[in-house]
Amino acid sequence: MPIVYRAHAAALLIAVTLATLGRPVAAETLRLAFVGDIMLDGGPGHIVTNGGDPFAPVAPYLLNADLSVGNLECAITRVGHAVDKPYTFKGPVDSLPLLKKYFSVLSLANNHAADFGTLGFQDELALLSAHQIDWVGGGRNETEARAPYLVSKKGRLIAILAYNEFPPRSFAATQKKPGTAWLVEKDILSDIRRVKTTKNPDLVILYLHWGQELEPLPTGDQIELAHRLIDAGADVLIGSHPHVTQSIEWYHDKPIIYSLGNFVFDYFPWDPPLWTSYILQLEYSDGRRPNLVTVPIELDAAGLPRLSGATKPKN
């Protein structure tokens, strides 16, 4: 299920017609939208179970994108028991149709995906499959967890790879156990080489769950690793986990967004008085360097995203 290849009929027709010339040159602007951590326990979960839609206030920015990507920072399961760790998050099954509506693909590469154990994680994969929700960064074994999500949009083939480095390491998939893709540099380099060699995508996007919580800047080690991953062939690097936004860097005309912060996340008594974040929009036209736009948001008392300031939704 995580390896997905879709193409519009028109793109397929062009590809067949110009097969001897290789993949056709994309003419239309490609619009991508990325958000940070989506945690559907607590306040957001209560909204969903009472018939609400936590994504409605920012819906245009997700629905108008050709591809929308977020990090599912909770377990969604009907079985299993909470594992022994400081925080465990479980979202309602009722949220699955909403996730399907708003997101093209969800990353499972994080430190809460298996909060309800292996049985809970396996059930989550079954539920995502049943609702035709695509995912990346997790799977029934390590091979599946490290597999790329592949999709064709506007004449461009996009590959997304996702990895987590935050404990517990027990959540990591092995060849005999379901779980998430663990962030190991040599594995990422191998996966980038493999997808570029076998699929020749136009864009390789990395979604990494990494970094230090509540810190406004990435570490030096993160910056160095990000540069090596871009040098290896990645075109975009997206980060999550710190709960706050961090810096944006252009490296060889490739964007590195070190942390997108929280997108849907309940408040705890020791949290900052207001979670702020943004929706990241990348637009690719003729050039390789995308146009980058950040749409500021803030999370209301229930942990739901609202547009900040005078920002208005697009038509």
Protein backbone atom coordinates (compact mmCIF):
# COMPACT_ATOMS: atom_id res chain seq x y z
CA MET A 1 0.00 0.00 0.00
CA PRO A 2 2.70 2.61 0.75
CA ILE A 3 4.12 2.32 -2.78
CA VAL A 4 1.60 4.16 -4.89
CA TYR A 5 1.84 5.19 -8.52
CA ARG A 6 -0.97 7.15 -10.06
CA ALA A 7 -1.13 9.32 -13.15
CA HIS A 8 -3.78 11.43 -14.81
CA ALA A 9 -5.12 9.98 -18.04
CA ALA A 10 -3.85 12.99 -19.99
CA ALA A 11 -0.32 12.55 -18.64
CA LEU A 12 -0.38 8.89 -19.52
CA LEU A 13 -1.51 9.67 -23.06
CA ILE A 14 1.33 12.15 -23.52
CA ALA A 15 3.81 9.68 -22.06
CA VAL A 16 2.71 6.99 -24.49
CA THR A 17 2.81 9.37 -27.44
CA LEU A 18 6.29 10.63 -26.59
CA ALA A 19 7.66 7.39 -25.19
CA THR A 20 10.79 7.60 -27.28
CA LEU A 21 11.54 11.06 -25.95
CA GLY A 22 11.31 10.14 -22.26
CA ARG A 23 9.02 11.76 -19.70
CA PRO A 24 7.23 14.84 -21.11
CA VAL A 25 8.21 18.27 -19.88
CA ALA A 26 5.69 19.48 -17.30
CA ALA A 27 3.92 22.67 -18.31
CA GLU A 28 1.46 23.20 -15.46
CA THR A 29 2.37 24.61 -12.07
CA LEU A 30 2.64 21.90 -9.44
CA ARG A 31 1.34 22.91 -5.98
CA LEU A 32 2.40 21.01 -2.88
CA ALA A 33 1.19 21.59 0.69
CA PHE A 34 2.90 20.35 3.86
CA VAL A 35 1.83 20.54 7.49
CA GLY A 36 3.47 19.40 10.70
CA ASP A 37 2.26 17.16 13.50
CA ILE A 38 -1.37 16.02 13.47
CA MET A 39 -2.29 14.78 16.96
CA LEU A 40 -5.94 13.80 17.22
CA ASP A 41 -6.15 12.86 20.90
CA GLY A 42 -7.63 15.12 23.59
CA GLY A 43 -9.35 18.28 22.37
CA PRO A 44 -9.05 17.55 18.64
CA GLY A 45 -10.35 14.02 19.19
CA HIS A 46 -13.39 15.30 21.10
CA ILE A 47 -14.17 17.67 18.23
CA VAL A 48 -14.07 14.78 15.76
CA THR A 49 -16.18 12.39 17.84
CA ASN A 50 -18.80 15.12 18.20
CA GLY A 51 -19.07 15.55 14.44
CA GLY A 52 -16.65 18.44 13.99
CA ASP A 53 -14.00 18.94 11.34
CA PRO A 54 -10.66 20.14 12.78
CA PHE A 55 -9.30 20.97 9.32
CA ALA A 56 -12.25 23.06 8.07
CA PRO A 57 -10.79 26.52 8.90
CA VAL A 58 -7.77 25.87 6.65
CA ALA A 59 -9.45 23.55 4.16
CA PRO A 60 -8.69 25.57 0.98
CA TYR A 61 -4.94 25.31 1.52
CA LEU A 62 -5.14 21.52 1.67
CA LEU A 63 -7.86 20.82 -0.88
CA ASN A 64 -6.46 23.17 -3.54
CA ALA A 65 -3.02 21.57 -3.50
CA ASP A 66 -2.07 18.89 -6.01
CA LEU A 67 -0.46 16.99 -3.14
CA SER A 68 -1.00 17.50 0.60
CA VAL A 69 1.26 15.86 3.18
CA GLY A 70 1.19 15.72 6.99
CA ASN A 71 2.61 13.76 9.92
CA LEU A 72 0.05 11.60 11.76
CA GLU A 73 1.34 12.00 15.32
CA CYS A 74 -0.93 9.46 17.02
CA ALA A 75 -2.15 5.90 16.84
CA ILE A 76 -5.55 5.25 15.31
CA THR A 77 -6.60 1.77 16.31
CA ARG A 78 -9.40 -0.36 17.74
CA VAL A 79 -7.07 -2.73 19.60
CA GLY A 80 -3.86 -2.79 21.62
CA HIS A 81 -2.81 -1.24 24.91
CA ALA A 82 -0.87 1.93 25.64
CA VAL A 83 2.85 1.22 25.83
CA ASP A 84 4.95 2.30 28.81
CA LYS A 85 6.17 5.78 27.82
CA PRO A 86 5.59 9.33 29.10
CA TYR A 87 2.94 10.26 26.52
CA THR A 88 0.69 8.07 24.41
CA PHE A 89 -1.73 9.50 21.85
CA LYS A 90 -4.72 7.77 20.29
CA GLY A 91 -7.01 9.38 17.72
CA PRO A 92 -10.62 8.38 17.03
CA VAL A 93 -11.45 6.05 14.16
CA ASP A 94 -14.00 8.69 13.11
CA SER A 95 -11.10 10.88 11.98
CA LEU A 96 -10.16 8.55 9.12
CA PRO A 97 -12.67 9.94 6.56
CA LEU A 98 -11.42 13.45 7.35
CA LEU A 99 -7.80 12.43 6.88
CA LYS A 100 -8.75 10.85 3.56
CA LYS A 101 -10.52 14.04 2.50
CA TYR A 102 -7.67 16.42 3.23
CA PHE A 103 -4.41 14.52 2.79
CA SER A 104 -2.84 12.77 -0.16
CA VAL A 105 -0.40 10.89 2.06
CA LEU A 106 0.45 10.75 5.77
CA SER A 107 3.81 10.06 7.35
CA LEU A 108 3.81 7.39 10.07
CA ALA A 109 7.51 7.93 10.83
CA ASN A 110 7.24 9.38 14.32
CA ASN A 111 7.46 8.48 18.01
CA HIS A 112 3.70 8.00 18.54
CA ALA A 113 2.67 5.80 15.62
CA ALA A 114 3.02 2.61 17.72
CA ASP A 115 1.80 4.03 21.03
CA PHE A 116 -0.63 1.11 21.29
CA GLY A 117 1.85 -1.59 20.52
CA THR A 118 2.44 -3.81 17.54
CA LEU A 119 -1.16 -5.00 17.46
CA GLY A 120 -2.39 -1.42 17.48
CA PHE A 121 0.02 -0.44 14.72
CA GLN A 122 -1.03 -3.39 12.55
CA ASP A 123 -4.66 -2.43 13.07
CA GLU A 124 -3.88 1.16 12.08
CA LEU A 125 -2.34 -0.04 8.81
CA ALA A 126 -5.48 -2.11 8.17
CA LEU A 127 -7.72 0.88 8.91
CA LEU A 128 -5.72 3.18 6.63
CA SER A 129 -5.93 0.60 3.86
CA ALA A 130 -9.67 0.15 4.36
CA HIS A 131 -10.18 3.92 4.03
CA GLN A 132 -7.81 4.12 1.03
CA ILE A 133 -5.46 6.46 2.88
CA ASP A 134 -1.89 6.38 1.61
CA TRP A 135 1.02 6.43 4.03
CA VAL A 136 4.80 6.48 4.07
CA GLY A 137 7.45 5.82 6.72
CA GLY A 138 5.79 2.78 8.25
CA GLY A 139 4.87 -0.72 7.25
CA ARG A 140 4.47 -4.40 8.00
CA ASN A 141 8.25 -4.83 7.85
CA GLU A 142 11.36 -2.70 7.35
CA THR A 143 11.31 -2.98 3.57
CA GLU A 144 7.76 -1.63 3.44
CA ALA A 145 8.46 1.05 6.04
CA ARG A 146 11.40 2.40 4.00
CA ALA A 147 9.58 2.19 0.67
CA PRO A 148 8.83 5.46 -1.16
CA TYR A 149 5.40 6.85 -1.79
CA LEU A 150 5.29 7.45 -5.54
CA VAL A 151 2.71 9.57 -7.30
CA SER A 152 2.44 11.43 -10.60
CA LYS A 153 1.03 14.96 -10.54
CA LYS A 154 0.98 17.54 -13.33
CA GLY A 155 3.37 15.47 -15.43
CA ARG A 156 5.93 15.08 -12.63
CA LEU A 157 6.79 11.92 -10.75
CA ILE A 158 7.18 12.59 -7.02
CA ALA A 159 8.86 10.28 -4.51
CA ILE A 160 8.44 10.79 -0.76
CA LEU A 161 10.52 9.02 1.89
CA ALA A 162 9.93 9.42 5.65
CA TYR A 163 12.00 8.50 8.71
CA ASN A 164 11.93 8.98 12.50
CA GLU A 165 14.88 9.37 14.90
CA PHE A 166 13.07 10.03 18.18
CA PRO A 167 12.77 7.18 20.74
CA PRO A 168 11.50 4.63 21.48
CA ARG A 169 13.66 2.70 19.05
CA SER A 170 11.35 -0.27 19.67
CA PHE A 171 8.87 1.36 17.28
CA ALA A 172 11.28 0.80 14.39
CA ALA A 173 10.30 -1.86 11.89
CA THR A 174 12.48 -4.91 11.31
CA GLN A 175 12.20 -7.54 8.61
CA LYS A 176 10.11 -9.58 11.07
CA LYS A 177 8.17 -6.83 12.89
CA PRO A 178 5.86 -4.01 11.77
CA GLY A 179 6.85 -0.47 12.65
CA THR A 180 8.30 2.80 11.43
CA ALA A 181 11.31 3.69 9.30
CA TRP A 182 14.24 4.60 11.55
CA LEU A 183 16.43 7.53 10.60
CA VAL A 184 19.79 6.05 9.69
CA GLU A 185 21.86 8.09 7.26
CA LYS A 186 23.25 5.16 5.28
CA ASP A 187 19.74 3.76 4.86
CA ILE A 188 18.39 7.07 3.61
CA LEU A 189 21.27 7.45 1.18
CA SER A 190 20.63 3.92 -0.07
CA ASP A 191 16.90 4.59 -0.44
CA ILE A 192 17.52 7.84 -2.35
CA ARG A 193 19.90 6.07 -4.74
CA ARG A 194 17.47 3.21 -5.23
CA VAL A 195 14.45 5.33 -6.05
CA LYS A 196 16.42 7.62 -8.35
CA THR A 197 17.91 4.65 -10.18
CA THR A 198 14.75 2.57 -10.50
CA LYS A 199 12.06 5.26 -10.87
CA ASN A 200 13.88 8.44 -11.98
CA PRO A 201 11.48 10.80 -10.15
CA ASP A 202 11.36 14.50 -10.88
CA LEU A 203 11.23 15.30 -7.14
CA VAL A 204 12.57 13.40 -4.14
CA ILE A 205 11.06 14.69 -0.88
CA LEU A 206 12.28 13.66 2.58
CA TYR A 207 10.00 14.01 5.62
CA LEU A 208 12.09 13.62 8.79
CA HIS A 209 10.86 13.42 12.38
CA TRP A 210 13.86 14.82 14.21
CA GLY A 211 15.35 17.65 16.23
CA GLN A 212 15.04 19.07 19.73
CA GLU A 213 11.67 19.98 21.19
CA LEU A 214 10.80 23.66 21.63
CA GLU A 215 14.12 24.82 20.18
CA PRO A 216 13.88 27.61 17.55
CA LEU A 217 16.88 26.41 15.54
CA PRO A 218 18.18 23.08 14.25
CA THR A 219 21.39 21.62 15.63
CA GLY A 220 24.65 21.74 13.73
CA ASP A 221 24.45 17.99 13.20
CA GLN A 222 21.01 18.36 11.60
CA ILE A 223 22.25 21.06 9.24
CA GLU A 224 25.21 18.95 8.15
CA LEU A 225 23.02 15.89 7.63
CA ALA A 226 20.45 17.90 5.68
CA HIS A 227 23.18 19.13 3.35
CA ARG A 228 24.49 15.61 2.78
CA LEU A 229 20.99 14.36 1.97
CA ILE A 230 20.46 17.17 -0.54
CA ASP A 231 23.87 16.42 -2.05
CA ALA A 232 22.77 12.77 -2.37
CA GLY A 233 19.78 13.72 -4.51
CA ALA A 234 16.94 14.93 -2.29
CA ASP A 235 15.09 17.98 -3.64
CA VAL A 236 13.10 18.97 -0.53
CA LEU A 237 13.62 18.22 3.15
CA ILE A 238 10.72 18.68 5.58
CA GLY A 239 11.12 18.35 9.36
CA SER A 240 8.75 17.79 12.25
CA HIS A 241 8.80 16.88 15.97
CA PRO A 242 10.07 20.01 17.83
CA HIS A 243 6.46 21.33 18.20
CA VAL A 244 7.66 24.77 17.08
CA THR A 245 8.77 26.07 13.71
CA GLN A 246 12.46 26.29 12.97
CA SER A 247 14.52 27.98 10.28
CA ILE A 248 14.18 27.57 6.54
CA GLU A 249 17.33 27.24 4.47
CA TRP A 250 18.01 27.18 0.74
CA TYR A 251 20.87 24.86 -0.12
CA HIS A 252 21.81 24.55 -3.80
CA ASP A 253 18.36 26.05 -4.55
CA LYS A 254 16.69 23.21 -2.63
CA PRO A 255 14.47 24.10 0.39
CA ILE A 256 15.19 22.67 3.84
CA ILE A 257 12.38 23.29 6.32
CA TYR A 258 13.84 22.10 9.60
CA SER A 259 10.53 21.98 11.49
CA LEU A 260 6.95 22.78 10.58
CA GLY A 261 5.79 22.72 14.22
CA ASN A 262 2.36 21.56 15.34
CA PHE A 263 -0.62 21.57 12.99
CA VAL A 264 -3.28 19.88 15.16
CA PHE A 265 -2.18 19.42 18.77
CA ASP A 266 -3.85 19.73 22.16
CA TYR A 267 -2.41 21.88 24.92
CA PHE A 268 -0.86 20.62 28.15
CA PRO A 269 -0.52 22.75 31.32
CA TRP A 270 3.23 23.30 30.78
CA ASP A 271 2.93 24.23 27.10
CA PRO A 272 3.42 27.72 25.66
CA PRO A 273 0.27 29.88 25.87
CA LEU A 274 -0.19 29.65 22.10
CA TRP A 275 1.02 27.13 19.52
CA THR A 276 1.89 28.85 16.25
CA SER A 277 2.91 27.26 12.99
CA TYR A 278 2.31 27.50 9.27
CA ILE A 279 1.19 25.59 6.23
CA LEU A 280 4.04 25.29 3.77
CA GLN A 281 3.25 25.73 0.09
CA LEU A 282 5.73 24.88 -2.65
CA GLU A 283 4.97 25.74 -6.27
CA TYR A 284 7.02 24.30 -9.12
CA SER A 285 6.75 25.89 -12.54
CA ASP A 286 9.43 25.78 -15.23
CA GLY A 287 12.48 26.18 -12.99
CA ARG A 288 13.94 23.74 -10.45
CA ARG A 289 13.75 26.25 -7.59
CA PRO A 290 10.19 26.32 -6.25
CA ASN A 291 8.25 29.31 -5.06
CA LEU A 292 7.90 28.94 -1.27
CA VAL A 293 5.01 30.42 0.71
CA THR A 294 4.23 30.04 4.41
CA VAL A 295 0.63 30.46 5.58
CA PRO A 296 0.74 31.36 9.30
CA ILE A 297 -1.63 29.54 11.63
CA GLU A 298 -2.27 29.41 15.35
CA LEU A 299 -3.93 26.65 17.34
CA ASP A 300 -7.13 27.50 19.23
CA ALA A 301 -8.00 26.32 22.73
CA ALA A 302 -8.95 22.87 21.42
CA GLY A 303 -5.67 22.54 19.52
CA LEU A 304 -7.20 23.17 16.08
CA PRO A 305 -5.55 25.28 13.36
CA ARG A 306 -6.83 28.76 12.54
CA LEU A 307 -5.43 31.31 10.09
CA SER A 308 -3.34 33.95 11.85
CA GLY A 309 -3.69 37.70 11.46
CA ALA A 310 -5.11 39.01 8.21
CA THR A 311 -4.36 35.88 6.18
CA LYS A 312 -7.38 34.93 4.10
CA PRO A 313 -8.11 31.59 2.47
CA LYS A 314 -7.63 31.38 -1.27
CA ASN A 315 -10.60 30.90 -3.52
